Amino acid sequence: MAAPKFQKTGYSDLELTKVVFGLDRPQRRVQVMDRTAGGTLQVEDLGITIKTRVLPMRKLTDTEIAALRTWHETNLTGAYETFTFVDEDETSHTARWIDDTLSAPETREGRHDATVTLEIVSTP
């Protein structure tokens, strides 16, 4: 398995060497649910499945956190810009970084834990 990475034209690749494997690949159907006046459950399926990737990373150095922050704040402008996410199976996906906050608490001196959540926009 290869280390996942972020790629975007005009920027240096960011290789995620400290991702904890056993990566979660949640997906959800977008549906609107409510009850009728008679108490019957009514479901409207919007026909969309949203696929996300959760990337937990452990023991990141200050330099690695700075690189993540640069990608989040500058290269991607939060969730505004799409980029190419190359997963551990070396499959490329167009993705958005949907975390509006990059939280990376220091777990011991000079080491941080972070979790990034991506929404997969498309897989070629």
PDB file of N, CA and C in Angstrom:
ATOM      1  N   MET A   1       0.825  -1.188   0.000  1.00  0.00           N
ATOM      2  CA  MET A   1       0.000   0.000   0.000  1.00  0.00           C
ATOM      3  C   MET A   1       0.866   1.248   0.000  1.00  0.00           C
ATOM      4  N   ALA A   2       0.483   2.175  -0.821  1.00  0.00           N
ATOM      5  CA  ALA A   2       1.205   3.443  -0.906  1.00  0.00           C
ATOM      6  C   ALA A   2       0.638   4.432   0.100  1.00  0.00           C
ATOM      7  N   ALA A   3       1.435   5.423   0.439  1.00  0.00           N
ATOM      8  CA  ALA A   3       0.958   6.490   1.318  1.00  0.00           C
ATOM      9  C   ALA A   3       0.024   7.388   0.517  1.00  0.00           C
ATOM     10  N   PRO A   4      -1.155   7.722   1.059  1.00  0.00           N
ATOM     11  CA  PRO A   4      -2.054   8.634   0.353  1.00  0.00           C
ATOM     12  C   PRO A   4      -1.383   9.993   0.160  1.00  0.00           C
ATOM     13  N   LYS A   5      -1.832  10.717  -0.872  1.00  0.00           N
ATOM     14  CA  LYS A   5      -1.263  12.044  -1.082  1.00  0.00           C
ATOM     15  C   LYS A   5      -2.273  12.981  -1.715  1.00  0.00           C
ATOM     16  N   PHE A   6      -2.000  14.279  -1.537  1.00  0.00           N
ATOM     17  CA  PHE A   6      -2.788  15.343  -2.151  1.00  0.00           C
ATOM     18  C   PHE A   6      -1.970  15.896  -3.304  1.00  0.00           C
ATOM     19  N   GLN A   7      -2.636  16.134  -4.440  1.00  0.00           N
ATOM     20  CA  GLN A   7      -1.966  16.710  -5.600  1.00  0.00           C
ATOM     21  C   GLN A   7      -2.825  17.830  -6.168  1.00  0.00           C
ATOM     22  N   LYS A   8      -2.163  18.892  -6.600  1.00  0.00           N
ATOM     23  CA  LYS A   8      -2.865  19.984  -7.257  1.00  0.00           C
ATOM     24  C   LYS A   8      -1.884  20.671  -8.192  1.00  0.00           C
ATOM     25  N   THR A   9      -2.324  20.923  -9.404  1.00  0.00           N
ATOM     26  CA  THR A   9      -1.469  21.567 -10.394  1.00  0.00           C
ATOM     27  C   THR A   9      -0.960  22.899  -9.855  1.00  0.00           C
ATOM     28  N   GLY A  10       0.340  23.085  -9.953  1.00  0.00           N
ATOM     29  CA  GLY A  10       0.946  24.327  -9.504  1.00  0.00           C
ATOM     30  C   GLY A  10       1.442  24.298  -8.065  1.00  0.00           C
ATOM     31  N   TYR A  11       1.199  23.193  -7.354  1.00  0.00           N
ATOM     32  CA  TYR A  11       1.614  23.066  -5.955  1.00  0.00           C
ATOM     33  C   TYR A  11       2.401  21.776  -5.771  1.00  0.00           C
ATOM     34  N   SER A  12       3.234  21.742  -4.758  1.00  0.00           N
ATOM     35  CA  SER A  12       3.963  20.520  -4.437  1.00  0.00           C
ATOM     36  C   SER A  12       2.995  19.484  -3.876  1.00  0.00           C
ATOM     37  N   ASP A  13       3.227  18.202  -4.186  1.00  0.00           N
ATOM     38  CA  ASP A  13       2.407  17.123  -3.617  1.00  0.00           C
ATOM     39  C   ASP A  13       2.606  17.081  -2.109  1.00  0.00           C
ATOM     40  N   LEU A  14       1.567  16.669  -1.406  1.00  0.00           N
ATOM     41  CA  LEU A  14       1.666  16.461   0.038  1.00  0.00           C
ATOM     42  C   LEU A  14       1.420  14.986   0.299  1.00  0.00           C
ATOM     43  N   GLU A  15       2.462  14.260   0.661  1.00  0.00           N
ATOM     44  CA  GLU A  15       2.338  12.826   0.948  1.00  0.00           C
ATOM     45  C   GLU A  15       2.005  12.642   2.415  1.00  0.00           C
ATOM     46  N   LEU A  16       0.990  11.835   2.688  1.00  0.00           N
ATOM     47  CA  LEU A  16       0.497  11.619   4.046  1.00  0.00           C
ATOM     48  C   LEU A  16       1.081  10.318   4.591  1.00  0.00           C
ATOM     49  N   THR A  17       2.286  10.399   5.101  1.00  0.00           N
ATOM     50  CA  THR A  17       3.004   9.197   5.514  1.00  0.00           C
ATOM     51  C   THR A  17       2.568   8.670   6.874  1.00  0.00           C
ATOM     52  N   LYS A  18       1.830   9.458   7.643  1.00  0.00           N
ATOM     53  CA  LYS A  18       1.466   9.027   8.988  1.00  0.00           C
ATOM     54  C   LYS A  18      -0.028   8.770   9.152  1.00  0.00           C
ATOM     55  N   VAL A  19      -0.688   8.416   8.048  1.00  0.00           N
ATOM     56  CA  VAL A  19      -2.102   8.060   8.124  1.00  0.00           C
ATOM     57  C   VAL A  19      -2.220   6.708   8.804  1.00  0.00           C
ATOM     58  N   VAL A  20      -3.158   6.602   9.730  1.00  0.00           N
ATOM     59  CA  VAL A  20      -3.420   5.339  10.424  1.00  0.00           C
ATOM     60  C   VAL A  20      -4.286   4.501   9.494  1.00  0.00           C
ATOM     61  N   PHE A  21      -3.806   3.328   9.094  1.00  0.00           N
ATOM     62  CA  PHE A  21      -4.542   2.535   8.116  1.00  0.00           C
ATOM     63  C   PHE A  21      -5.726   1.799   8.729  1.00  0.00           C
ATOM     64  N   GLY A  22      -6.547   1.256   7.857  1.00  0.00           N
ATOM     65  CA  GLY A  22      -7.862   0.787   8.224  1.00  0.00           C
ATOM     66  C   GLY A  22      -8.795   1.970   8.007  1.00  0.00           C
ATOM     67  N   LEU A  23      -8.517   2.721   6.904  1.00  0.00           N
ATOM     68  CA  LEU A  23      -9.199   3.979   6.650  1.00  0.00           C
ATOM     69  C   LEU A  23     -10.700   3.786   6.484  1.00  0.00           C
ATOM     70  N   ASP A  24     -11.430   4.708   7.065  1.00  0.00           N
ATOM     71  CA  ASP A  24     -12.879   4.683   6.997  1.00  0.00           C
ATOM     72  C   ASP A  24     -13.332   5.284   5.665  1.00  0.00           C
ATOM     73  N   ARG A  25     -14.297   4.637   5.013  1.00  0.00           N
ATOM     74  CA  ARG A  25     -14.845   5.120   3.746  1.00  0.00           C
ATOM     75  C   ARG A  25     -16.361   5.263   3.850  1.00  0.00           C
ATOM     76  N   PRO A  26     -16.839   6.140   4.731  1.00  0.00           N
ATOM     77  CA  PRO A  26     -18.292   6.251   4.898  1.00  0.00           C
ATOM     78  C   PRO A  26     -18.974   6.838   3.672  1.00  0.00           C
ATOM     79  N   GLN A  27     -20.220   6.465   3.502  1.00  0.00           N
ATOM     80  CA  GLN A  27     -21.043   7.076   2.469  1.00  0.00           C
ATOM     81  C   GLN A  27     -22.461   7.165   2.998  1.00  0.00           C
ATOM     82  N   ARG A  28     -23.209   8.147   2.507  1.00  0.00           N
ATOM     83  CA  ARG A  28     -24.584   8.286   2.953  1.00  0.00           C
ATOM     84  C   ARG A  28     -25.470   8.706   1.796  1.00  0.00           C
ATOM     85  N   ARG A  29     -26.687   8.222   1.815  1.00  0.00           N
ATOM     86  CA  ARG A  29     -27.696   8.615   0.838  1.00  0.00           C
ATOM     87  C   ARG A  29     -28.320   9.911   1.325  1.00  0.00           C
ATOM     88  N   VAL A  30     -28.505  10.852   0.422  1.00  0.00           N
ATOM     89  CA  VAL A  30     -29.164  12.098   0.789  1.00  0.00           C
ATOM     90  C   VAL A  30     -30.662  11.884   0.627  1.00  0.00           C
ATOM     91  N   GLN A  31     -31.349  11.916   1.763  1.00  0.00           N
ATOM     92  CA  GLN A  31     -32.786  11.702   1.786  1.00  0.00           C
ATOM     93  C   GLN A  31     -33.426  12.684   2.761  1.00  0.00           C
ATOM     94  N   VAL A  32     -34.617  13.099   2.436  1.00  0.00           N
ATOM     95  CA  VAL A  32     -35.391  13.963   3.325  1.00  0.00           C
ATOM     96  C   VAL A  32     -36.487  13.106   3.936  1.00  0.00           C
ATOM     97  N   MET A  33     -36.562  13.106   5.283  1.00  0.00           N
ATOM     98  CA  MET A  33     -37.562  12.286   5.966  1.00  0.00           C
ATOM     99  C   MET A  33     -38.404  13.162   6.883  1.00  0.00           C
ATOM    100  N   ASP A  34     -39.685  12.855   6.923  1.00  0.00           N
ATOM    101  CA  ASP A  34     -40.601  13.550   7.824  1.00  0.00           C
ATOM    102  C   ASP A  34     -41.826  12.672   8.019  1.00  0.00           C
ATOM    103  N   ARG A  35     -42.650  13.036   8.944  1.00  0.00           N
ATOM    104  CA  ARG A  35     -43.894  12.298   9.209  1.00  0.00           C
ATOM    105  C   ARG A  35     -45.092  13.074   8.686  1.00  0.00           C
ATOM    106  N   THR A  36     -46.059  12.330   8.174  1.00  0.00           N
ATOM    107  CA  THR A  36     -47.309  12.947   7.743  1.00  0.00           C
ATOM    108  C   THR A  36     -48.155  13.234   8.988  1.00  0.00           C
ATOM    109  N   ALA A  37     -49.247  13.940   8.803  1.00  0.00           N
ATOM    110  CA  ALA A  37     -50.144  14.242   9.926  1.00  0.00           C
ATOM    111  C   ALA A  37     -50.689  12.960  10.543  1.00  0.00           C
ATOM    112  N   GLY A  38     -50.785  11.891   9.752  1.00  0.00           N
ATOM    113  CA  GLY A  38     -51.263  10.606  10.250  1.00  0.00           C
ATOM    114  C   GLY A  38     -50.171   9.757  10.900  1.00  0.00           C
ATOM    115  N   GLY A  39     -48.949  10.263  10.928  1.00  0.00           N
ATOM    116  CA  GLY A  39     -47.862   9.545  11.587  1.00  0.00           C
ATOM    117  C   GLY A  39     -47.062   8.618  10.686  1.00  0.00           C
ATOM    118  N   THR A  40     -47.376   8.592   9.390  1.00  0.00           N
ATOM    119  CA  THR A  40     -46.651   7.742   8.461  1.00  0.00           C
ATOM    120  C   THR A  40     -45.315   8.389   8.095  1.00  0.00           C
ATOM    121  N   LEU A  41     -44.280   7.586   8.070  1.00  0.00           N
ATOM    122  CA  LEU A  41     -42.976   8.090   7.676  1.00  0.00           C
ATOM    123  C   LEU A  41     -42.950   8.277   6.168  1.00  0.00           C
ATOM    124  N   GLN A  42     -42.586   9.466   5.736  1.00  0.00           N
ATOM    125  CA  GLN A  42     -42.490   9.755   4.312  1.00  0.00           C
ATOM    126  C   GLN A  42     -41.034  10.077   3.999  1.00  0.00           C
ATOM    127  N   VAL A  43     -40.483   9.418   2.963  1.00  0.00           N
ATOM    128  CA  VAL A  43     -39.083   9.587   2.598  1.00  0.00           C
ATOM    129  C   VAL A  43     -38.998  10.046   1.153  1.00  0.00           C
ATOM    130  N   GLU A  44     -38.227  11.101   0.924  1.00  0.00           N
ATOM    131  CA  GLU A  44     -37.945  11.579  -0.422  1.00  0.00           C
ATOM    132  C   GLU A  44     -36.469  11.325  -0.679  1.00  0.00           C
ATOM    133  N   ASP A  45     -36.170  10.454  -1.642  1.00  0.00           N
ATOM    134  CA  ASP A  45     -34.784  10.133  -1.977  1.00  0.00           C
ATOM    135  C   ASP A  45     -34.314  11.111  -3.038  1.00  0.00           C
ATOM    136  N   LEU A  46     -33.249  11.864  -2.749  1.00  0.00           N
ATOM    137  CA  LEU A  46     -32.742  12.848  -3.690  1.00  0.00           C
ATOM    138  C   LEU A  46     -31.790  12.232  -4.713  1.00  0.00           C
ATOM    139  N   GLY A  47     -31.529  10.923  -4.580  1.00  0.00           N
ATOM    140  CA  GLY A  47     -30.742  10.214  -5.576  1.00  0.00           C
ATOM    141  C   GLY A  47     -29.256  10.499  -5.532  1.00  0.00           C
ATOM    142  N   ILE A  48     -28.784  11.009  -4.422  1.00  0.00           N
ATOM    143  CA  ILE A  48     -27.369  11.357  -4.307  1.00  0.00           C
ATOM    144  C   ILE A  48     -26.735  10.516  -3.211  1.00  0.00           C
ATOM    145  N   THR A  49     -25.573   9.965  -3.492  1.00  0.00           N
ATOM    146  CA  THR A  49     -24.778   9.285  -2.472  1.00  0.00           C
ATOM    147  C   THR A  49     -23.512  10.099  -2.266  1.00  0.00           C
ATOM    148  N   ILE A  50     -23.266  10.502  -1.027  1.00  0.00           N
ATOM    149  CA  ILE A  50     -22.072  11.277  -0.710  1.00  0.00           C
ATOM    150  C   ILE A  50     -21.039  10.334  -0.120  1.00  0.00           C
ATOM    151  N   LYS A  51     -19.865  10.310  -0.741  1.00  0.00           N
ATOM    152  CA  LYS A  51     -18.771   9.454  -0.283  1.00  0.00           C
ATOM    153  C   LYS A  51     -17.708  10.332   0.373  1.00  0.00           C
ATOM    154  N   THR A  52     -17.263   9.909   1.529  1.00  0.00           N
ATOM    155  CA  THR A  52     -16.232  10.658   2.231  1.00  0.00           C
ATOM    156  C   THR A  52     -15.079   9.735   2.590  1.00  0.00           C
ATOM    157  N   ARG A  53     -13.959  10.332   2.931  1.00  0.00           N
ATOM    158  CA  ARG A  53     -12.794   9.598   3.428  1.00  0.00           C
ATOM    159  C   ARG A  53     -12.335  10.295   4.693  1.00  0.00           C
ATOM    160  N   VAL A  54     -12.120   9.524   5.717  1.00  0.00           N
ATOM    161  CA  VAL A  54     -11.626  10.043   6.991  1.00  0.00           C
ATOM    162  C   VAL A  54     -10.175   9.589   7.121  1.00  0.00           C
ATOM    163  N   LEU A  55      -9.263  10.550   7.281  1.00  0.00           N
ATOM    164  CA  LEU A  55      -7.834  10.266   7.321  1.00  0.00           C
ATOM    165  C   LEU A  55      -7.264  10.640   8.684  1.00  0.00           C
ATOM    166  N   PRO A  56      -7.214   9.697   9.626  1.00  0.00           N
ATOM    167  CA  PRO A  56      -6.606   9.990  10.925  1.00  0.00           C
ATOM    168  C   PRO A  56      -5.082   9.894  10.825  1.00  0.00           C
ATOM    169  N   MET A  57      -4.403  10.875  11.389  1.00  0.00           N
ATOM    170  CA  MET A  57      -2.936  10.889  11.367  1.00  0.00           C
ATOM    171  C   MET A  57      -2.422  11.065  12.788  1.00  0.00           C
ATOM    172  N   ARG A  58      -1.382  10.352  13.115  1.00  0.00           N
ATOM    173  CA  ARG A  58      -0.832  10.379  14.472  1.00  0.00           C
ATOM    174  C   ARG A  58       0.641  10.744  14.452  1.00  0.00           C
ATOM    175  N   LYS A  59       1.081  11.405  15.515  1.00  0.00           N
ATOM    176  CA  LYS A  59       2.492  11.745  15.752  1.00  0.00           C
ATOM    177  C   LYS A  59       3.094  12.601  14.641  1.00  0.00           C
ATOM    178  N   LEU A  60       2.319  13.577  14.159  1.00  0.00           N
ATOM    179  CA  LEU A  60       2.825  14.489  13.147  1.00  0.00           C
ATOM    180  C   LEU A  60       3.769  15.503  13.786  1.00  0.00           C
ATOM    181  N   THR A  61       4.820  15.844  13.077  1.00  0.00           N
ATOM    182  CA  THR A  61       5.759  16.849  13.565  1.00  0.00           C
ATOM    183  C   THR A  61       5.196  18.247  13.309  1.00  0.00           C
ATOM    184  N   ASP A  62       5.833  19.248  13.894  1.00  0.00           N
ATOM    185  CA  ASP A  62       5.425  20.636  13.658  1.00  0.00           C
ATOM    186  C   ASP A  62       5.503  20.975  12.166  1.00  0.00           C
ATOM    187  N   THR A  63       6.514  20.476  11.484  1.00  0.00           N
ATOM    188  CA  THR A  63       6.691  20.719  10.044  1.00  0.00           C
ATOM    189  C   THR A  63       5.553  20.093   9.240  1.00  0.00           C
ATOM    190  N   GLU A  64       5.159  18.876   9.596  1.00  0.00           N
ATOM    191  CA  GLU A  64       4.061  18.203   8.892  1.00  0.00           C
ATOM    192  C   GLU A  64       2.732  18.922   9.122  1.00  0.00           C
ATOM    193  N   ILE A  65       2.506  19.411  10.335  1.00  0.00           N
ATOM    194  CA  ILE A  65       1.279  20.173  10.629  1.00  0.00           C
ATOM    195  C   ILE A  65       1.281  21.474   9.829  1.00  0.00           C
ATOM    196  N   ALA A  66       2.436  22.130   9.736  1.00  0.00           N
ATOM    197  CA  ALA A  66       2.526  23.365   8.949  1.00  0.00           C
ATOM    198  C   ALA A  66       2.182  23.094   7.486  1.00  0.00           C
ATOM    199  N   ALA A  67       2.632  21.972   6.935  1.00  0.00           N
ATOM    200  CA  ALA A  67       2.317  21.614   5.546  1.00  0.00           C
ATOM    201  C   ALA A  67       0.816  21.362   5.378  1.00  0.00           C
ATOM    202  N   LEU A  68       0.190  20.679   6.337  1.00  0.00           N
ATOM    203  CA  LEU A  68      -1.267  20.471   6.290  1.00  0.00           C
ATOM    204  C   LEU A  68      -2.009  21.798   6.344  1.00  0.00           C
ATOM    205  N   ARG A  69      -1.577  22.679   7.228  1.00  0.00           N
ATOM    206  CA  ARG A  69      -2.224  23.999   7.342  1.00  0.00           C
ATOM    207  C   ARG A  69      -2.090  24.791   6.041  1.00  0.00           C
ATOM    208  N   THR A  70      -0.926  24.714   5.400  1.00  0.00           N
ATOM    209  CA  THR A  70      -0.733  25.411   4.127  1.00  0.00           C
ATOM    210  C   THR A  70      -1.701  24.885   3.086  1.00  0.00           C
ATOM    211  N   TRP A  71      -1.841  23.554   3.002  1.00  0.00           N
ATOM    212  CA  TRP A  71      -2.791  22.976   2.054  1.00  0.00           C
ATOM    213  C   TRP A  71      -4.208  23.428   2.350  1.00  0.00           C
ATOM    214  N   HIS A  72      -4.595  23.405   3.604  1.00  0.00           N
ATOM    215  CA  HIS A  72      -5.962  23.767   3.994  1.00  0.00           C
ATOM    216  C   HIS A  72      -6.255  25.246   3.761  1.00  0.00           C
ATOM    217  N   GLU A  73      -5.368  26.108   4.217  1.00  0.00           N
ATOM    218  CA  GLU A  73      -5.638  27.545   4.202  1.00  0.00           C
ATOM    219  C   GLU A  73      -5.301  28.211   2.874  1.00  0.00           C
ATOM    220  N   THR A  74      -4.248  27.765   2.220  1.00  0.00           N
ATOM    221  CA  THR A  74      -3.742  28.468   1.042  1.00  0.00           C
ATOM    222  C   THR A  74      -4.048  27.727  -0.253  1.00  0.00           C
ATOM    223  N   ASN A  75      -3.585  26.496  -0.366  1.00  0.00           N
ATOM    224  CA  ASN A  75      -3.724  25.759  -1.620  1.00  0.00           C
ATOM    225  C   ASN A  75      -5.177  25.429  -1.940  1.00  0.00           C
ATOM    226  N   LEU A  76      -5.978  25.172  -0.915  1.00  0.00           N
ATOM    227  CA  LEU A  76      -7.357  24.751  -1.147  1.00  0.00           C
ATOM    228  C   LEU A  76      -8.394  25.792  -0.743  1.00  0.00           C
ATOM    229  N   THR A  77      -7.990  26.786   0.017  1.00  0.00           N
ATOM    230  CA  THR A  77      -8.910  27.787   0.556  1.00  0.00           C
ATOM    231  C   THR A  77     -10.074  27.083   1.259  1.00  0.00           C
ATOM    232  N   GLY A  78      -9.739  26.228   2.219  1.00  0.00           N
ATOM    233  CA  GLY A  78     -10.757  25.441   2.926  1.00  0.00           C
ATOM    234  C   GLY A  78     -11.364  24.420   1.990  1.00  0.00           C
ATOM    235  N   ALA A  79     -12.685  24.438   1.826  1.00  0.00           N
ATOM    236  CA  ALA A  79     -13.366  23.494   0.936  1.00  0.00           C
ATOM    237  C   ALA A  79     -13.624  24.078  -0.451  1.00  0.00           C
ATOM    238  N   TYR A  80     -13.160  25.288  -0.691  1.00  0.00           N
ATOM    239  CA  TYR A  80     -13.472  25.985  -1.938  1.00  0.00           C
ATOM    240  C   TYR A  80     -12.887  25.301  -3.168  1.00  0.00           C
ATOM    241  N   GLU A  81     -11.621  24.876  -3.100  1.00  0.00           N
ATOM    242  CA  GLU A  81     -10.927  24.300  -4.245  1.00  0.00           C
ATOM    243  C   GLU A  81     -10.951  22.771  -4.203  1.00  0.00           C
ATOM    244  N   THR A  82     -11.086  22.155  -5.369  1.00  0.00           N
ATOM    245  CA  THR A  82     -10.934  20.704  -5.458  1.00  0.00           C
ATOM    246  C   THR A  82      -9.466  20.376  -5.717  1.00  0.00           C
ATOM    247  N   PHE A  83      -9.106  19.133  -5.469  1.00  0.00           N
ATOM    248  CA  PHE A  83      -7.750  18.661  -5.712  1.00  0.00           C
ATOM    249  C   PHE A  83      -7.816  17.169  -5.987  1.00  0.00           C
ATOM    250  N   THR A  84      -6.685  16.585  -6.336  1.00  0.00           N
ATOM    251  CA  THR A  84      -6.621  15.152  -6.575  1.00  0.00           C
ATOM    252  C   THR A  84      -6.134  14.471  -5.304  1.00  0.00           C
ATOM    253  N   PHE A  85      -6.919  13.532  -4.823  1.00  0.00           N
ATOM    254  CA  PHE A  85      -6.535  12.710  -3.683  1.00  0.00           C
ATOM    255  C   PHE A  85      -6.181  11.335  -4.235  1.00  0.00           C
ATOM    256  N   VAL A  86      -4.950  10.912  -4.020  1.00  0.00           N
ATOM    257  CA  VAL A  86      -4.498   9.583  -4.449  1.00  0.00           C
ATOM    258  C   VAL A  86      -4.509   8.704  -3.207  1.00  0.00           C
ATOM    259  N   ASP A  87      -5.382   7.696  -3.199  1.00  0.00           N
ATOM    260  CA  ASP A  87      -5.551   6.884  -1.993  1.00  0.00           C
ATOM    261  C   ASP A  87      -4.462   5.818  -1.861  1.00  0.00           C
ATOM    262  N   GLU A  88      -4.584   5.013  -0.832  1.00  0.00           N
ATOM    263  CA  GLU A  88      -3.571   3.997  -0.531  1.00  0.00           C
ATOM    264  C   GLU A  88      -3.484   2.906  -1.591  1.00  0.00           C
ATOM    265  N   ASP A  89      -4.523   2.771  -2.411  1.00  0.00           N
ATOM    266  CA  ASP A  89      -4.512   1.809  -3.520  1.00  0.00           C
ATOM    267  C   ASP A  89      -4.044   2.459  -4.819  1.00  0.00           C
ATOM    268  N   GLU A  90      -3.574   3.701  -4.729  1.00  0.00           N
ATOM    269  CA  GLU A  90      -3.092   4.502  -5.847  1.00  0.00           C
ATOM    270  C   GLU A  90      -4.192   4.831  -6.855  1.00  0.00           C
ATOM    271  N   THR A  91      -5.439   4.934  -6.357  1.00  0.00           N
ATOM    272  CA  THR A  91      -6.566   5.373  -7.170  1.00  0.00           C
ATOM    273  C   THR A  91      -6.727   6.877  -6.972  1.00  0.00           C
ATOM    274  N   SER A  92      -6.858   7.608  -8.080  1.00  0.00           N
ATOM    275  CA  SER A  92      -7.016   9.062  -8.008  1.00  0.00           C
ATOM    276  C   SER A  92      -8.495   9.422  -7.908  1.00  0.00           C
ATOM    277  N   HIS A  93      -8.785  10.381  -7.036  1.00  0.00           N
ATOM    278  CA  HIS A  93     -10.146  10.883  -6.847  1.00  0.00           C
ATOM    279  C   HIS A  93     -10.093  12.410  -6.875  1.00  0.00           C
ATOM    280  N   THR A  94     -11.114  13.036  -7.426  1.00  0.00           N
ATOM    281  CA  THR A  94     -11.265  14.477  -7.257  1.00  0.00           C
ATOM    282  C   THR A  94     -11.964  14.651  -5.911  1.00  0.00           C
ATOM    283  N   ALA A  95     -11.398  15.504  -5.056  1.00  0.00           N
ATOM    284  CA  ALA A  95     -11.908  15.611  -3.694  1.00  0.00           C
ATOM    285  C   ALA A  95     -11.953  17.061  -3.231  1.00  0.00           C
ATOM    286  N   ARG A  96     -12.692  17.269  -2.149  1.00  0.00           N
ATOM    287  CA  ARG A  96     -12.708  18.532  -1.410  1.00  0.00           C
ATOM    288  C   ARG A  96     -12.391  18.224   0.040  1.00  0.00           C
ATOM    289  N   TRP A  97     -11.652  19.102   0.666  1.00  0.00           N
ATOM    290  CA  TRP A  97     -11.344  18.986   2.086  1.00  0.00           C
ATOM    291  C   TRP A  97     -12.507  19.653   2.799  1.00  0.00           C
ATOM    292  N   ILE A  98     -13.396  18.896   3.427  1.00  0.00           N
ATOM    293  CA  ILE A  98     -14.630  19.479   3.968  1.00  0.00           C
ATOM    294  C   ILE A  98     -14.567  19.840   5.446  1.00  0.00           C
ATOM    295  N   ASP A  99     -13.416  19.620   6.092  1.00  0.00           N
ATOM    296  CA  ASP A  99     -13.274  20.103   7.467  1.00  0.00           C
ATOM    297  C   ASP A  99     -13.105  21.608   7.426  1.00  0.00           C
ATOM    298  N   ASP A 100     -13.938  22.336   8.151  1.00  0.00           N
ATOM    299  CA  ASP A 100     -13.751  23.781   8.173  1.00  0.00           C
ATOM    300  C   ASP A 100     -12.713  24.196   9.219  1.00  0.00           C
ATOM    301  N   THR A 101     -12.325  23.257  10.058  1.00  0.00           N
ATOM    302  CA  THR A 101     -11.319  23.518  11.081  1.00  0.00           C
ATOM    303  C   THR A 101     -10.266  22.421  11.018  1.00  0.00           C
ATOM    304  N   LEU A 102      -9.010  22.814  11.037  1.00  0.00           N
ATOM    305  CA  LEU A 102      -7.933  21.832  11.135  1.00  0.00           C
ATOM    306  C   LEU A 102      -7.480  21.827  12.583  1.00  0.00           C
ATOM    307  N   SER A 103      -7.908  20.825  13.309  1.00  0.00           N
ATOM    308  CA  SER A 103      -7.541  20.678  14.706  1.00  0.00           C
ATOM    309  C   SER A 103      -6.411  19.664  14.807  1.00  0.00           C
ATOM    310  N   ALA A 104      -5.314  20.074  15.459  1.00  0.00           N
ATOM    311  CA  ALA A 104      -4.148  19.200  15.582  1.00  0.00           C
ATOM    312  C   ALA A 104      -3.544  19.378  16.969  1.00  0.00           C
ATOM    313  N   PRO A 105      -4.214  18.834  17.986  1.00  0.00           N
ATOM    314  CA  PRO A 105      -3.696  19.010  19.343  1.00  0.00           C
ATOM    315  C   PRO A 105      -2.330  18.364  19.531  1.00  0.00           C
ATOM    316  N   GLU A 106      -1.514  19.012  20.330  1.00  0.00           N
ATOM    317  CA  GLU A 106      -0.192  18.480  20.635  1.00  0.00           C
ATOM    318  C   GLU A 106      -0.360  17.385  21.681  1.00  0.00           C
ATOM    319  N   THR A 107       0.010  16.166  21.315  1.00  0.00           N
ATOM    320  CA  THR A 107      -0.163  15.028  22.218  1.00  0.00           C
ATOM    321  C   THR A 107       1.054  14.802  23.100  1.00  0.00           C
ATOM    322  N   ARG A 108       2.181  15.268  22.638  1.00  0.00           N
ATOM    323  CA  ARG A 108       3.409  15.335  23.429  1.00  0.00           C
ATOM    324  C   ARG A 108       4.287  16.365  22.733  1.00  0.00           C
ATOM    325  N   GLU A 109       5.376  16.736  23.322  1.00  0.00           N
ATOM    326  CA  GLU A 109       6.149  17.842  22.766  1.00  0.00           C
ATOM    327  C   GLU A 109       6.575  17.591  21.322  1.00  0.00           C
ATOM    328  N   GLY A 110       6.141  18.508  20.457  1.00  0.00           N
ATOM    329  CA  GLY A 110       6.514  18.430  19.053  1.00  0.00           C
ATOM    330  C   GLY A 110       5.765  17.399  18.234  1.00  0.00           C
ATOM    331  N   ARG A 111       4.749  16.757  18.804  1.00  0.00           N
ATOM    332  CA  ARG A 111       3.960  15.741  18.083  1.00  0.00           C
ATOM    333  C   ARG A 111       2.471  16.075  18.189  1.00  0.00           C
ATOM    334  N   HIS A 112       1.775  15.896  17.066  1.00  0.00           N
ATOM    335  CA  HIS A 112       0.363  16.261  16.988  1.00  0.00           C
ATOM    336  C   HIS A 112      -0.445  15.121  16.373  1.00  0.00           C
ATOM    337  N   ASP A 113      -1.716  15.061  16.718  1.00  0.00           N
ATOM    338  CA  ASP A 113      -2.668  14.159  16.073  1.00  0.00           C
ATOM    339  C   ASP A 113      -3.669  15.018  15.308  1.00  0.00           C
ATOM    340  N   ALA A 114      -4.065  14.575  14.141  1.00  0.00           N
ATOM    341  CA  ALA A 114      -5.039  15.304  13.334  1.00  0.00           C
ATOM    342  C   ALA A 114      -5.902  14.316  12.568  1.00  0.00           C
ATOM    343  N   THR A 115      -7.103  14.747  12.225  1.00  0.00           N
ATOM    344  CA  THR A 115      -7.988  13.963  11.380  1.00  0.00           C
ATOM    345  C   THR A 115      -8.524  14.886  10.291  1.00  0.00           C
ATOM    346  N   VAL A 116      -8.424  14.440   9.056  1.00  0.00           N
ATOM    347  CA  VAL A 116      -8.898  15.199   7.906  1.00  0.00           C
ATOM    348  C   VAL A 116     -10.055  14.425   7.288  1.00  0.00           C
ATOM    349  N   THR A 117     -11.141  15.131   6.942  1.00  0.00           N
ATOM    350  CA  THR A 117     -12.271  14.499   6.274  1.00  0.00           C
ATOM    351  C   THR A 117     -12.394  15.083   4.870  1.00  0.00           C
ATOM    352  N   LEU A 118     -12.405  14.199   3.889  1.00  0.00           N
ATOM    353  CA  LEU A 118     -12.520  14.597   2.491  1.00  0.00           C
ATOM    354  C   LEU A 118     -13.861  14.129   1.933  1.00  0.00           C
ATOM    355  N   GLU A 119     -14.430  14.904   1.035  1.00  0.00           N
ATOM    356  CA  GLU A 119     -15.576  14.431   0.267  1.00  0.00           C
ATOM    357  C   GLU A 119     -15.089  14.105  -1.126  1.00  0.00           C
ATOM    358  N   ILE A 120     -15.381  12.889  -1.575  1.00  0.00           N
ATOM    359  CA  ILE A 120     -14.975  12.456  -2.909  1.00  0.00           C
ATOM    360  C   ILE A 120     -15.998  12.998  -3.895  1.00  0.00           C
ATOM    361  N   VAL A 121     -15.553  13.887  -4.761  1.00  0.00           N
ATOM    362  CA  VAL A 121     -16.432  14.511  -5.749  1.00  0.00           C
ATOM    363  C   VAL A 121     -16.636  13.575  -6.927  1.00  0.00           C
ATOM    364  N   SER A 122     -15.545  12.950  -7.390  1.00  0.00           N
ATOM    365  CA  SER A 122     -15.649  11.992  -8.480  1.00  0.00           C
ATOM    366  C   SER A 122     -14.417  11.098  -8.500  1.00  0.00           C
ATOM    367  N   THR A 123     -14.603   9.934  -9.057  1.00  0.00           N
ATOM    368  CA  THR A 123     -13.505   8.994  -9.267  1.00  0.00           C
ATOM    369  C   THR A 123     -13.480   8.672 -10.751  1.00  0.00           C
ATOM    370  N   PRO A 124     -12.389   9.055 -11.431  1.00  0.00           N
ATOM    371  CA  PRO A 124     -12.355   8.846 -12.890  1.00  0.00           C
ATOM    372  C   PRO A 124     -12.438   7.376 -13.261  1.00  0.00           C
TER     373      PRO A 124
END
